[in-house]
PDB file of N, CA and C in Angstrom:
ATOM      1  N   MET A   1      77.785  98.129  47.838  1.00  0.00           N
ATOM      2  CA  MET A   1      76.981  96.946  47.575  1.00  0.00           C
ATOM      3  C   MET A   1      77.781  96.046  46.630  1.00  0.00           C
ATOM      4  N   THR A   2      77.937  94.817  47.028  1.00  0.00           N
ATOM      5  CA  THR A   2      78.679  93.864  46.206  1.00  0.00           C
ATOM      6  C   THR A   2      77.721  93.082  45.317  1.00  0.00           C
ATOM      7  N   ALA A   3      78.274  92.335  44.403  1.00  0.00           N
ATOM      8  CA  ALA A   3      77.451  91.509  43.512  1.00  0.00           C
ATOM      9  C   ALA A   3      76.700  90.451  44.309  1.00  0.00           C
ATOM     10  N   ASP A   4      77.326  89.916  45.360  1.00  0.00           N
ATOM     11  CA  ASP A   4      76.653  88.917  46.195  1.00  0.00           C
ATOM     12  C   ASP A   4      75.447  89.516  46.913  1.00  0.00           C
ATOM     13  N   ASP A   5      75.572  90.773  47.367  1.00  0.00           N
ATOM     14  CA  ASP A   5      74.447  91.447  48.019  1.00  0.00           C
ATOM     15  C   ASP A   5      73.290  91.633  47.051  1.00  0.00           C
ATOM     16  N   LEU A   6      73.599  92.003  45.822  1.00  0.00           N
ATOM     17  CA  LEU A   6      72.566  92.197  44.807  1.00  0.00           C
ATOM     18  C   LEU A   6      71.855  90.887  44.488  1.00  0.00           C
ATOM     19  N   VAL A   7      72.617  89.813  44.373  1.00  0.00           N
ATOM     20  CA  VAL A   7      72.021  88.499  44.097  1.00  0.00           C
ATOM     21  C   VAL A   7      71.122  88.076  45.248  1.00  0.00           C
ATOM     22  N   GLU A   8      71.553  88.285  46.482  1.00  0.00           N
ATOM     23  CA  GLU A   8      70.746  87.932  47.655  1.00  0.00           C
ATOM     24  C   GLU A   8      69.450  88.744  47.690  1.00  0.00           C
ATOM     25  N   MET A   9      69.534  90.052  47.382  1.00  0.00           N
ATOM     26  CA  MET A   9      68.343  90.897  47.371  1.00  0.00           C
ATOM     27  C   MET A   9      67.360  90.442  46.288  1.00  0.00           C
ATOM     28  N   LEU A  10      67.856  90.167  45.081  1.00  0.00           N
ATOM     29  CA  LEU A  10      66.985  89.700  44.001  1.00  0.00           C
ATOM     30  C   LEU A  10      66.362  88.354  44.334  1.00  0.00           C
ATOM     31  N   ASP A  11      67.109  87.477  44.992  1.00  0.00           N
ATOM     32  CA  ASP A  11      66.573  86.179  45.397  1.00  0.00           C
ATOM     33  C   ASP A  11      65.409  86.351  46.364  1.00  0.00           C
ATOM     34  N   ARG A  12      65.544  87.257  47.310  1.00  0.00           N
ATOM     35  CA  ARG A  12      64.456  87.508  48.270  1.00  0.00           C
ATOM     36  C   ARG A  12      63.220  88.084  47.580  1.00  0.00           C
ATOM     37  N   VAL A  13      63.429  89.022  46.659  1.00  0.00           N
ATOM     38  CA  VAL A  13      62.297  89.640  45.949  1.00  0.00           C
ATOM     39  C   VAL A  13      61.569  88.608  45.102  1.00  0.00           C
ATOM     40  N   ILE A  14      62.309  87.797  44.364  1.00  0.00           N
ATOM     41  CA  ILE A  14      61.683  86.814  43.474  1.00  0.00           C
ATOM     42  C   ILE A  14      61.003  85.712  44.270  1.00  0.00           C
ATOM     43  N   THR A  15      61.586  85.303  45.401  1.00  0.00           N
ATOM     44  CA  THR A  15      60.970  84.273  46.230  1.00  0.00           C
ATOM     45  C   THR A  15      59.638  84.762  46.791  1.00  0.00           C
ATOM     46  N   ALA A  16      59.586  85.996  47.267  1.00  0.00           N
ATOM     47  CA  ALA A  16      58.354  86.548  47.826  1.00  0.00           C
ATOM     48  C   ALA A  16      57.395  86.988  46.731  1.00  0.00           C
ATOM     49  N   GLY A  17      57.924  87.440  45.611  1.00  0.00           N
ATOM     50  CA  GLY A  17      57.097  87.947  44.518  1.00  0.00           C
ATOM     51  C   GLY A  17      56.995  89.461  44.578  1.00  0.00           C
ATOM     52  N   ALA A  18      56.917  90.075  43.423  1.00  0.00           N
ATOM     53  CA  ALA A  18      56.806  91.531  43.344  1.00  0.00           C
ATOM     54  C   ALA A  18      56.080  91.911  42.062  1.00  0.00           C
ATOM     55  N   VAL A  19      55.325  92.995  42.132  1.00  0.00           N
ATOM     56  CA  VAL A  19      54.652  93.544  40.960  1.00  0.00           C
ATOM     57  C   VAL A  19      55.290  94.894  40.655  1.00  0.00           C
ATOM     58  N   VAL A  20      55.716  95.062  39.411  1.00  0.00           N
ATOM     59  CA  VAL A  20      56.308  96.320  38.966  1.00  0.00           C
ATOM     60  C   VAL A  20      55.301  96.988  38.032  1.00  0.00           C
ATOM     61  N   HIS A  21      54.995  98.253  38.301  1.00  0.00           N
ATOM     62  CA  HIS A  21      53.991  98.979  37.521  1.00  0.00           C
ATOM     63  C   HIS A  21      54.575 100.319  37.097  1.00  0.00           C
ATOM     64  N   GLY A  22      54.341 100.681  35.847  1.00  0.00           N
ATOM     65  CA  GLY A  22      54.848 101.961  35.372  1.00  0.00           C
ATOM     66  C   GLY A  22      54.049 102.477  34.191  1.00  0.00           C
ATOM     67  N   ASP A  23      54.115 103.769  33.980  1.00  0.00           N
ATOM     68  CA  ASP A  23      53.449 104.428  32.859  1.00  0.00           C
ATOM     69  C   ASP A  23      54.487 105.189  32.047  1.00  0.00           C
ATOM     70  N   VAL A  24      54.356 105.115  30.734  1.00  0.00           N
ATOM     71  CA  VAL A  24      55.198 105.895  29.830  1.00  0.00           C
ATOM     72  C   VAL A  24      54.263 106.693  28.933  1.00  0.00           C
ATOM     73  N   ILE A  25      54.424 108.012  28.936  1.00  0.00           N
ATOM     74  CA  ILE A  25      53.600 108.883  28.097  1.00  0.00           C
ATOM     75  C   ILE A  25      54.530 109.715  27.218  1.00  0.00           C
ATOM     76  N   ILE A  26      54.311 109.630  25.919  1.00  0.00           N
ATOM     77  CA  ILE A  26      55.079 110.431  24.966  1.00  0.00           C
ATOM     78  C   ILE A  26      54.149 111.514  24.442  1.00  0.00           C
ATOM     79  N   SER A  27      54.565 112.761  24.649  1.00  0.00           N
ATOM     80  CA  SER A  27      53.713 113.873  24.221  1.00  0.00           C
ATOM     81  C   SER A  27      54.531 114.884  23.424  1.00  0.00           C
ATOM     82  N   LEU A  28      53.809 115.655  22.636  1.00  0.00           N
ATOM     83  CA  LEU A  28      54.421 116.708  21.829  1.00  0.00           C
ATOM     84  C   LEU A  28      53.551 117.951  21.961  1.00  0.00           C
ATOM     85  N   ALA A  29      54.130 119.037  22.397  1.00  0.00           N
ATOM     86  CA  ALA A  29      53.424 120.312  22.578  1.00  0.00           C
ATOM     87  C   ALA A  29      52.206 120.151  23.481  1.00  0.00           C
ATOM     88  N   GLY A  30      52.353 119.354  24.543  1.00  0.00           N
ATOM     89  CA  GLY A  30      51.273 119.179  25.499  1.00  0.00           C
ATOM     90  C   GLY A  30      50.183 118.222  25.063  1.00  0.00           C
ATOM     91  N   VAL A  31      50.340 117.569  23.922  1.00  0.00           N
ATOM     92  CA  VAL A  31      49.348 116.611  23.419  1.00  0.00           C
ATOM     93  C   VAL A  31      49.933 115.207  23.565  1.00  0.00           C
ATOM     94  N   ASP A  32      49.229 114.352  24.327  1.00  0.00           N
ATOM     95  CA  ASP A  32      49.686 112.976  24.503  1.00  0.00           C
ATOM     96  C   ASP A  32      49.519 112.205  23.202  1.00  0.00           C
ATOM     97  N   LEU A  33      50.610 111.654  22.697  1.00  0.00           N
ATOM     98  CA  LEU A  33      50.580 110.891  21.452  1.00  0.00           C
ATOM     99  C   LEU A  33      50.537 109.388  21.712  1.00  0.00           C
ATOM    100  N   ILE A  34      51.345 108.930  22.662  1.00  0.00           N
ATOM    101  CA  ILE A  34      51.426 107.503  22.970  1.00  0.00           C
ATOM    102  C   ILE A  34      51.423 107.333  24.480  1.00  0.00           C
ATOM    103  N   ARG A  35      50.637 106.367  24.964  1.00  0.00           N
ATOM    104  CA  ARG A  35      50.627 106.041  26.386  1.00  0.00           C
ATOM    105  C   ARG A  35      50.779 104.540  26.540  1.00  0.00           C
ATOM    106  N   LEU A  36      51.730 104.127  27.356  1.00  0.00           N
ATOM    107  CA  LEU A  36      51.959 102.719  27.643  1.00  0.00           C
ATOM    108  C   LEU A  36      51.741 102.486  29.130  1.00  0.00           C
ATOM    109  N   ASP A  37      50.921 101.511  29.466  1.00  0.00           N
ATOM    110  CA  ASP A  37      50.685 101.106  30.847  1.00  0.00           C
ATOM    111  C   ASP A  37      51.378  99.764  31.022  1.00  0.00           C
ATOM    112  N   LEU A  38      52.442  99.737  31.811  1.00  0.00           N
ATOM    113  CA  LEU A  38      53.284  98.557  31.920  1.00  0.00           C
ATOM    114  C   LEU A  38      53.122  97.900  33.286  1.00  0.00           C
ATOM    115  N   ARG A  39      52.991  96.580  33.293  1.00  0.00           N
ATOM    116  CA  ARG A  39      52.935  95.805  34.535  1.00  0.00           C
ATOM    117  C   ARG A  39      53.717  94.522  34.339  1.00  0.00           C
ATOM    118  N   ALA A  40      54.482  94.150  35.353  1.00  0.00           N
ATOM    119  CA  ALA A  40      55.252  92.907  35.295  1.00  0.00           C
ATOM    120  C   ALA A  40      55.166  92.216  36.650  1.00  0.00           C
ATOM    121  N   LEU A  41      55.046  90.906  36.630  1.00  0.00           N
ATOM    122  CA  LEU A  41      55.026  90.091  37.839  1.00  0.00           C
ATOM    123  C   LEU A  41      56.337  89.332  37.912  1.00  0.00           C
ATOM    124  N   LEU A  42      57.071  89.537  38.998  1.00  0.00           N
ATOM    125  CA  LEU A  42      58.332  88.838  39.219  1.00  0.00           C
ATOM    126  C   LEU A  42      58.123  87.837  40.343  1.00  0.00           C
ATOM    127  N   VAL A  43      58.224  86.547  40.016  1.00  0.00           N
ATOM    128  CA  VAL A  43      58.025  85.519  41.031  1.00  0.00           C
ATOM    129  C   VAL A  43      58.737  84.245  40.583  1.00  0.00           C
ATOM    130  N   ALA A  44      59.227  83.486  41.531  1.00  0.00           N
ATOM    131  CA  ALA A  44      59.852  82.203  41.221  1.00  0.00           C
ATOM    132  C   ALA A  44      58.775  81.216  40.787  1.00  0.00           C
ATOM    133  N   MET A  45      59.115  80.337  39.860  1.00  0.00           N
ATOM    134  CA  MET A  45      58.134  79.383  39.334  1.00  0.00           C
ATOM    135  C   MET A  45      57.591  78.462  40.420  1.00  0.00           C
ATOM    136  N   ASP A  46      58.397  78.087  41.409  1.00  0.00           N
ATOM    137  CA  ASP A  46      57.891  77.213  42.463  1.00  0.00           C
ATOM    138  C   ASP A  46      56.974  77.957  43.426  1.00  0.00           C
ATOM    139  N   THR A  47      57.040  79.291  43.450  1.00  0.00           N
ATOM    140  CA  THR A  47      56.143  80.100  44.276  1.00  0.00           C
ATOM    141  C   THR A  47      54.799  80.303  43.586  1.00  0.00           C
ATOM    142  N   LEU A  48      54.816  80.376  42.269  1.00  0.00           N
ATOM    143  CA  LEU A  48      53.613  80.622  41.480  1.00  0.00           C
ATOM    144  C   LEU A  48      52.743  79.375  41.450  1.00  0.00           C
ATOM    145  N   GLU A  49      51.490  79.515  41.825  1.00  0.00           N
ATOM    146  CA  GLU A  49      50.557  78.392  41.800  1.00  0.00           C
ATOM    147  C   GLU A  49      49.650  78.546  40.591  1.00  0.00           C
ATOM    148  N   LEU A  50      49.743  77.620  39.667  1.00  0.00           N
ATOM    149  CA  LEU A  50      48.902  77.648  38.476  1.00  0.00           C
ATOM    150  C   LEU A  50      47.646  76.832  38.723  1.00  0.00           C
ATOM    151  N   GLU A  51      46.530  77.368  38.344  1.00  0.00           N
ATOM    152  CA  GLU A  51      45.258  76.652  38.514  1.00  0.00           C
ATOM    153  C   GLU A  51      44.728  76.227  37.176  1.00  0.00           C
TER     154      GLU A  51
END
């Protein structure tokens, strides 16, 4: 995969839009201490319609 291929792939994803979702849990001895629920919206500004 070349750098040009990566740029083309990212351009397609951002033009169409994508939602990235993930969870991070930090635990000690089986006890959850910290939980993070992460979400990000990746979209080009001209694709995003603000109301």
